Amino acid sequence: MSNSTVSEDAVVIERSFDAPADLIWQMWTQPDHFKKWYGPQGFTIPVAEMELRVGSRRLICMASPDGSMKMWTTGEFVEIVPNERLVYTESPADENGNVVSPSAMGMPDGYPTTTEVTVLLEELGGRTKMVMTHAGVPAGSGADGGWNQAFDKLADLIEIVNSDA
């Protein structure tokens, strides 16, 4: 179940998962879990550095299916309410975490240097409703497609985790 909306400056996606909120939280905040689902289909995450503390830096590398293209992002955690709310900034970066211009990364004109991702989790008796808002993303950037593919991968990963339990 997916509900995706693209406004002038945000992508909002609502999903429900057959998992408790603490598992969804771990998927977002633990690098080993995050690497397994983040990014569009076929993309991998060779680097996911994150220390879950307000003000700490995130550094993520997303690689294309053939490995020829690597896209780095950096940012910092802005708000952390375990199992309920996660807010972080995101900017295009080099491999050292230095912010670079979006145009240098092949982003379309008008793409901002810094965007903000908010993840809201609501426990619904063993299921979790998640609402993700990626604010600052220009309409037509295609970010909603990438996020939806990532959340499809997340749903598949949760099925595997649930079957192993």
C-alpha atoms as a PDB file:
ATOM      1  CA  MET A   1       0.000   0.000   0.000  1.00  0.00           C
ATOM      2  CA  SER A   2       1.539   3.263  -1.108  1.00  0.00           C
ATOM      3  CA  ASN A   3       0.345   6.811  -1.144  1.00  0.00           C
ATOM      4  CA  SER A   4       2.733   9.218  -2.851  1.00  0.00           C
ATOM      5  CA  THR A   5       2.272  12.947  -3.292  1.00  0.00           C
ATOM      6  CA  VAL A   6       4.632  15.404  -4.952  1.00  0.00           C
ATOM      7  CA  SER A   7       3.992  19.033  -4.129  1.00  0.00           C
ATOM      8  CA  GLU A   8       5.950  22.061  -5.282  1.00  0.00           C
ATOM      9  CA  ASP A   9       8.695  21.370  -2.782  1.00  0.00           C
ATOM     10  CA  ALA A  10       8.175  18.014  -1.090  1.00  0.00           C
ATOM     11  CA  VAL A  11       7.640  14.332  -1.689  1.00  0.00           C
ATOM     12  CA  VAL A  12       5.303  12.744   0.856  1.00  0.00           C
ATOM     13  CA  ILE A  13       4.925   8.961   0.925  1.00  0.00           C
ATOM     14  CA  GLU A  14       2.789   6.959   3.317  1.00  0.00           C
ATOM     15  CA  ARG A  15       3.302   3.223   3.711  1.00  0.00           C
ATOM     16  CA  SER A  16       2.152   0.550   6.139  1.00  0.00           C
ATOM     17  CA  PHE A  17       4.438  -2.322   7.057  1.00  0.00           C
ATOM     18  CA  ASP A  18       3.746  -5.662   8.755  1.00  0.00           C
ATOM     19  CA  ALA A  19       6.276  -4.948  11.480  1.00  0.00           C
ATOM     20  CA  PRO A  20       6.439  -3.119  14.788  1.00  0.00           C
ATOM     21  CA  ALA A  21       7.686   0.473  14.829  1.00  0.00           C
ATOM     22  CA  ASP A  22      10.939  -0.499  16.548  1.00  0.00           C
ATOM     23  CA  LEU A  23      11.906  -2.699  13.575  1.00  0.00           C
ATOM     24  CA  ILE A  24      11.126   0.062  11.061  1.00  0.00           C
ATOM     25  CA  TRP A  25      13.149   2.448  13.261  1.00  0.00           C
ATOM     26  CA  GLN A  26      16.126   0.078  13.146  1.00  0.00           C
ATOM     27  CA  MET A  27      15.861  -0.104   9.351  1.00  0.00           C
ATOM     28  CA  TRP A  28      16.263   3.685   9.194  1.00  0.00           C
ATOM     29  CA  THR A  29      18.887   4.138  11.914  1.00  0.00           C
ATOM     30  CA  GLN A  30      21.216   1.126  11.854  1.00  0.00           C
ATOM     31  CA  PRO A  31      23.712   1.243   8.974  1.00  0.00           C
ATOM     32  CA  ASP A  32      23.715  -2.527   8.338  1.00  0.00           C
ATOM     33  CA  HIS A  33      19.928  -2.524   7.922  1.00  0.00           C
ATOM     34  CA  PHE A  34      19.833   0.781   5.998  1.00  0.00           C
ATOM     35  CA  LYS A  35      22.311  -0.524   3.397  1.00  0.00           C
ATOM     36  CA  LYS A  36      19.982  -3.425   2.552  1.00  0.00           C
ATOM     37  CA  TRP A  37      16.991  -1.380   1.423  1.00  0.00           C
ATOM     38  CA  TYR A  38      17.879   2.236   0.655  1.00  0.00           C
ATOM     39  CA  GLY A  39      17.947   3.434  -2.948  1.00  0.00           C
ATOM     40  CA  PRO A  40      16.080   2.514  -6.126  1.00  0.00           C
ATOM     41  CA  GLN A  41      15.919  -1.067  -7.418  1.00  0.00           C
ATOM     42  CA  GLY A  42      19.348  -2.343  -8.437  1.00  0.00           C
ATOM     43  CA  PHE A  43      21.258   0.357  -6.551  1.00  0.00           C
ATOM     44  CA  THR A  44      23.500  -0.563  -3.632  1.00  0.00           C
ATOM     45  CA  ILE A  45      24.721   1.321  -0.578  1.00  0.00           C
ATOM     46  CA  PRO A  46      28.443   0.573  -0.125  1.00  0.00           C
ATOM     47  CA  VAL A  47      28.796   3.229   2.602  1.00  0.00           C
ATOM     48  CA  ALA A  48      26.301   4.220   5.313  1.00  0.00           C
ATOM     49  CA  GLU A  49      27.901   6.063   8.199  1.00  0.00           C
ATOM     50  CA  MET A  50      25.557   7.381  10.839  1.00  0.00           C
ATOM     51  CA  GLU A  51      25.740   8.014  14.542  1.00  0.00           C
ATOM     52  CA  LEU A  52      22.231   8.402  15.894  1.00  0.00           C
ATOM     53  CA  ARG A  53      22.662  11.635  17.834  1.00  0.00           C
ATOM     54  CA  VAL A  54      21.249  15.109  17.167  1.00  0.00           C
ATOM     55  CA  GLY A  55      23.914  17.134  15.369  1.00  0.00           C
ATOM     56  CA  SER A  56      25.910  14.110  14.233  1.00  0.00           C
ATOM     57  CA  ARG A  57      26.792  13.616  10.578  1.00  0.00           C
ATOM     58  CA  ARG A  58      25.426  11.103   8.113  1.00  0.00           C
ATOM     59  CA  LEU A  59      27.439  10.031   5.069  1.00  0.00           C
ATOM     60  CA  ILE A  60      25.802   7.785   2.493  1.00  0.00           C
ATOM     61  CA  CYS A  61      27.086   6.450  -0.839  1.00  0.00           C
ATOM     62  CA  MET A  62      24.612   5.070  -3.359  1.00  0.00           C
ATOM     63  CA  ALA A  63      26.067   3.147  -6.310  1.00  0.00           C
ATOM     64  CA  SER A  64      24.408   2.445  -9.653  1.00  0.00           C
ATOM     65  CA  PRO A  65      23.696  -1.193 -10.579  1.00  0.00           C
ATOM     66  CA  ASP A  66      26.914  -1.498 -12.598  1.00  0.00           C
ATOM     67  CA  GLY A  67      28.929   0.452 -10.014  1.00  0.00           C
ATOM     68  CA  SER A  68      30.005   3.085 -12.543  1.00  0.00           C
ATOM     69  CA  MET A  69      28.206   5.944 -10.803  1.00  0.00           C
ATOM     70  CA  LYS A  70      28.438   6.773  -7.112  1.00  0.00           C
ATOM     71  CA  MET A  71      26.296   9.440  -5.508  1.00  0.00           C
ATOM     72  CA  TRP A  72      27.318  10.665  -2.074  1.00  0.00           C
ATOM     73  CA  THR A  73      25.082  12.534   0.349  1.00  0.00           C
ATOM     74  CA  THR A  74      25.798  14.026   3.733  1.00  0.00           C
ATOM     75  CA  GLY A  75      23.687  15.664   6.377  1.00  0.00           C
ATOM     76  CA  GLU A  76      23.004  15.708  10.046  1.00  0.00           C
ATOM     77  CA  PHE A  77      20.383  14.429  12.426  1.00  0.00           C
ATOM     78  CA  VAL A  78      18.068  17.254  13.488  1.00  0.00           C
ATOM     79  CA  GLU A  79      15.489  15.455  15.625  1.00  0.00           C
ATOM     80  CA  ILE A  80      15.375  11.956  17.107  1.00  0.00           C
ATOM     81  CA  VAL A  81      12.397  10.495  18.967  1.00  0.00           C
ATOM     82  CA  PRO A  82      13.030   6.723  19.041  1.00  0.00           C
ATOM     83  CA  ASN A  83      10.407   4.627  17.231  1.00  0.00           C
ATOM     84  CA  GLU A  84       8.360   7.758  16.409  1.00  0.00           C
ATOM     85  CA  ARG A  85      10.161  10.588  14.604  1.00  0.00           C
ATOM     86  CA  LEU A  86      13.428  10.982  12.720  1.00  0.00           C
ATOM     87  CA  VAL A  87      14.487  14.205  10.978  1.00  0.00           C
ATOM     88  CA  TYR A  88      17.732  14.685   9.066  1.00  0.00           C
ATOM     89  CA  THR A  89      19.155  16.994   6.438  1.00  0.00           C
ATOM     90  CA  GLU A  90      20.589  15.771   3.165  1.00  0.00           C
ATOM     91  CA  SER A  91      23.015  17.434   0.734  1.00  0.00           C
ATOM     92  CA  PRO A  92      24.991  16.178  -2.261  1.00  0.00           C
ATOM     93  CA  ALA A  93      28.567  15.544  -1.200  1.00  0.00           C
ATOM     94  CA  ASP A  94      31.933  14.136  -2.156  1.00  0.00           C
ATOM     95  CA  GLU A  95      33.320  10.957  -0.575  1.00  0.00           C
ATOM     96  CA  ASN A  96      34.749  13.007   2.309  1.00  0.00           C
ATOM     97  CA  GLY A  97      31.366  14.469   3.224  1.00  0.00           C
ATOM     98  CA  ASN A  98      32.063  17.927   1.791  1.00  0.00           C
ATOM     99  CA  VAL A  99      28.873  19.471   0.392  1.00  0.00           C
ATOM    100  CA  VAL A 100      28.967  19.995  -3.386  1.00  0.00           C
ATOM    101  CA  SER A 101      26.550  21.839  -5.657  1.00  0.00           C
ATOM    102  CA  PRO A 102      23.571  19.810  -6.861  1.00  0.00           C
ATOM    103  CA  SER A 103      24.393  20.677 -10.496  1.00  0.00           C
ATOM    104  CA  ALA A 104      27.850  19.096 -10.066  1.00  0.00           C
ATOM    105  CA  MET A 105      26.031  15.878  -9.168  1.00  0.00           C
ATOM    106  CA  GLY A 106      23.821  16.020 -12.264  1.00  0.00           C
ATOM    107  CA  MET A 107      20.759  17.292 -10.417  1.00  0.00           C
ATOM    108  CA  PRO A 108      18.299  19.451 -12.365  1.00  0.00           C
ATOM    109  CA  ASP A 109      18.343  23.246 -12.208  1.00  0.00           C
ATOM    110  CA  GLY A 110      16.628  24.530  -9.111  1.00  0.00           C
ATOM    111  CA  TYR A 111      17.513  21.533  -6.950  1.00  0.00           C
ATOM    112  CA  PRO A 112      18.422  22.875  -3.498  1.00  0.00           C
ATOM    113  CA  THR A 113      21.756  22.223  -1.822  1.00  0.00           C
ATOM    114  CA  THR A 114      20.067  21.005   1.366  1.00  0.00           C
ATOM    115  CA  THR A 115      16.802  19.123   1.767  1.00  0.00           C
ATOM    116  CA  GLU A 116      15.190  17.634   4.860  1.00  0.00           C
ATOM    117  CA  VAL A 117      13.779  14.150   5.414  1.00  0.00           C
ATOM    118  CA  THR A 118      11.192  13.525   8.141  1.00  0.00           C
ATOM    119  CA  VAL A 119      10.080  10.004   9.020  1.00  0.00           C
ATOM    120  CA  LEU A 120       7.022   9.587  11.249  1.00  0.00           C
ATOM    121  CA  LEU A 121       6.184   6.137  12.621  1.00  0.00           C
ATOM    122  CA  GLU A 122       2.904   5.121  14.225  1.00  0.00           C
ATOM    123  CA  GLU A 123       2.504   1.709  15.834  1.00  0.00           C
ATOM    124  CA  LEU A 124      -0.792   0.064  14.892  1.00  0.00           C
ATOM    125  CA  GLY A 125      -0.891  -3.223  16.812  1.00  0.00           C
ATOM    126  CA  GLY A 126       2.092  -4.986  15.274  1.00  0.00           C
ATOM    127  CA  ARG A 127       1.901  -2.969  12.070  1.00  0.00           C
ATOM    128  CA  THR A 128       3.497   0.398  11.474  1.00  0.00           C
ATOM    129  CA  LYS A 129       2.237   3.355   9.491  1.00  0.00           C
ATOM    130  CA  MET A 130       5.169   5.354   8.142  1.00  0.00           C
ATOM    131  CA  VAL A 131       4.918   8.816   6.618  1.00  0.00           C
ATOM    132  CA  MET A 132       8.113  10.059   4.980  1.00  0.00           C
ATOM    133  CA  THR A 133       8.380  13.676   3.847  1.00  0.00           C
ATOM    134  CA  HIS A 134      11.372  14.776   1.776  1.00  0.00           C
ATOM    135  CA  ALA A 135      11.056  18.563   1.930  1.00  0.00           C
ATOM    136  CA  GLY A 136      12.832  20.822  -0.525  1.00  0.00           C
ATOM    137  CA  VAL A 137      12.687  18.399  -3.438  1.00  0.00           C
ATOM    138  CA  PRO A 138      11.443  20.203  -6.555  1.00  0.00           C
ATOM    139  CA  ALA A 139       8.375  18.869  -8.353  1.00  0.00           C
ATOM    140  CA  GLY A 140       9.318  16.671 -11.295  1.00  0.00           C
ATOM    141  CA  SER A 141      12.693  15.640  -9.878  1.00  0.00           C
ATOM    142  CA  GLY A 142      11.692  11.961  -9.883  1.00  0.00           C
ATOM    143  CA  ALA A 143      12.536  11.529  -6.201  1.00  0.00           C
ATOM    144  CA  ASP A 144       9.144   9.966  -5.484  1.00  0.00           C
ATOM    145  CA  GLY A 145       9.929   7.079  -7.846  1.00  0.00           C
ATOM    146  CA  GLY A 146      13.262   6.389  -6.170  1.00  0.00           C
ATOM    147  CA  TRP A 147      11.747   6.553  -2.690  1.00  0.00           C
ATOM    148  CA  ASN A 148       8.887   4.220  -3.663  1.00  0.00           C
ATOM    149  CA  GLN A 149      11.349   1.691  -5.084  1.00  0.00           C
ATOM    150  CA  ALA A 150      13.370   1.889  -1.860  1.00  0.00           C
ATOM    151  CA  PHE A 151      10.244   1.318   0.227  1.00  0.00           C
ATOM    152  CA  ASP A 152       9.348  -1.693  -1.938  1.00  0.00           C
ATOM    153  CA  LYS A 153      12.794  -3.075  -1.061  1.00  0.00           C
ATOM    154  CA  LEU A 154      12.146  -2.260   2.610  1.00  0.00           C
ATOM    155  CA  ALA A 155       8.830  -4.174   2.522  1.00  0.00           C
ATOM    156  CA  ASP A 156      10.612  -7.183   0.948  1.00  0.00           C
ATOM    157  CA  LEU A 157      13.347  -7.034   3.623  1.00  0.00           C
ATOM    158  CA  ILE A 158      10.736  -6.951   6.377  1.00  0.00           C
ATOM    159  CA  GLU A 159       9.077 -10.054   4.906  1.00  0.00           C
ATOM    160  CA  ILE A 160      12.425 -11.858   5.092  1.00  0.00           C
ATOM    161  CA  VAL A 161      13.038 -10.688   8.676  1.00  0.00           C
ATOM    162  CA  ASN A 162       9.513 -11.774   9.683  1.00  0.00           C
ATOM    163  CA  SER A 163       9.924 -15.213   8.071  1.00  0.00           C
ATOM    164  CA  ASP A 164      13.214 -15.717   9.930  1.00  0.00           C
ATOM    165  CA  ALA A 165      11.624 -14.821  13.282  1.00  0.00           C
END
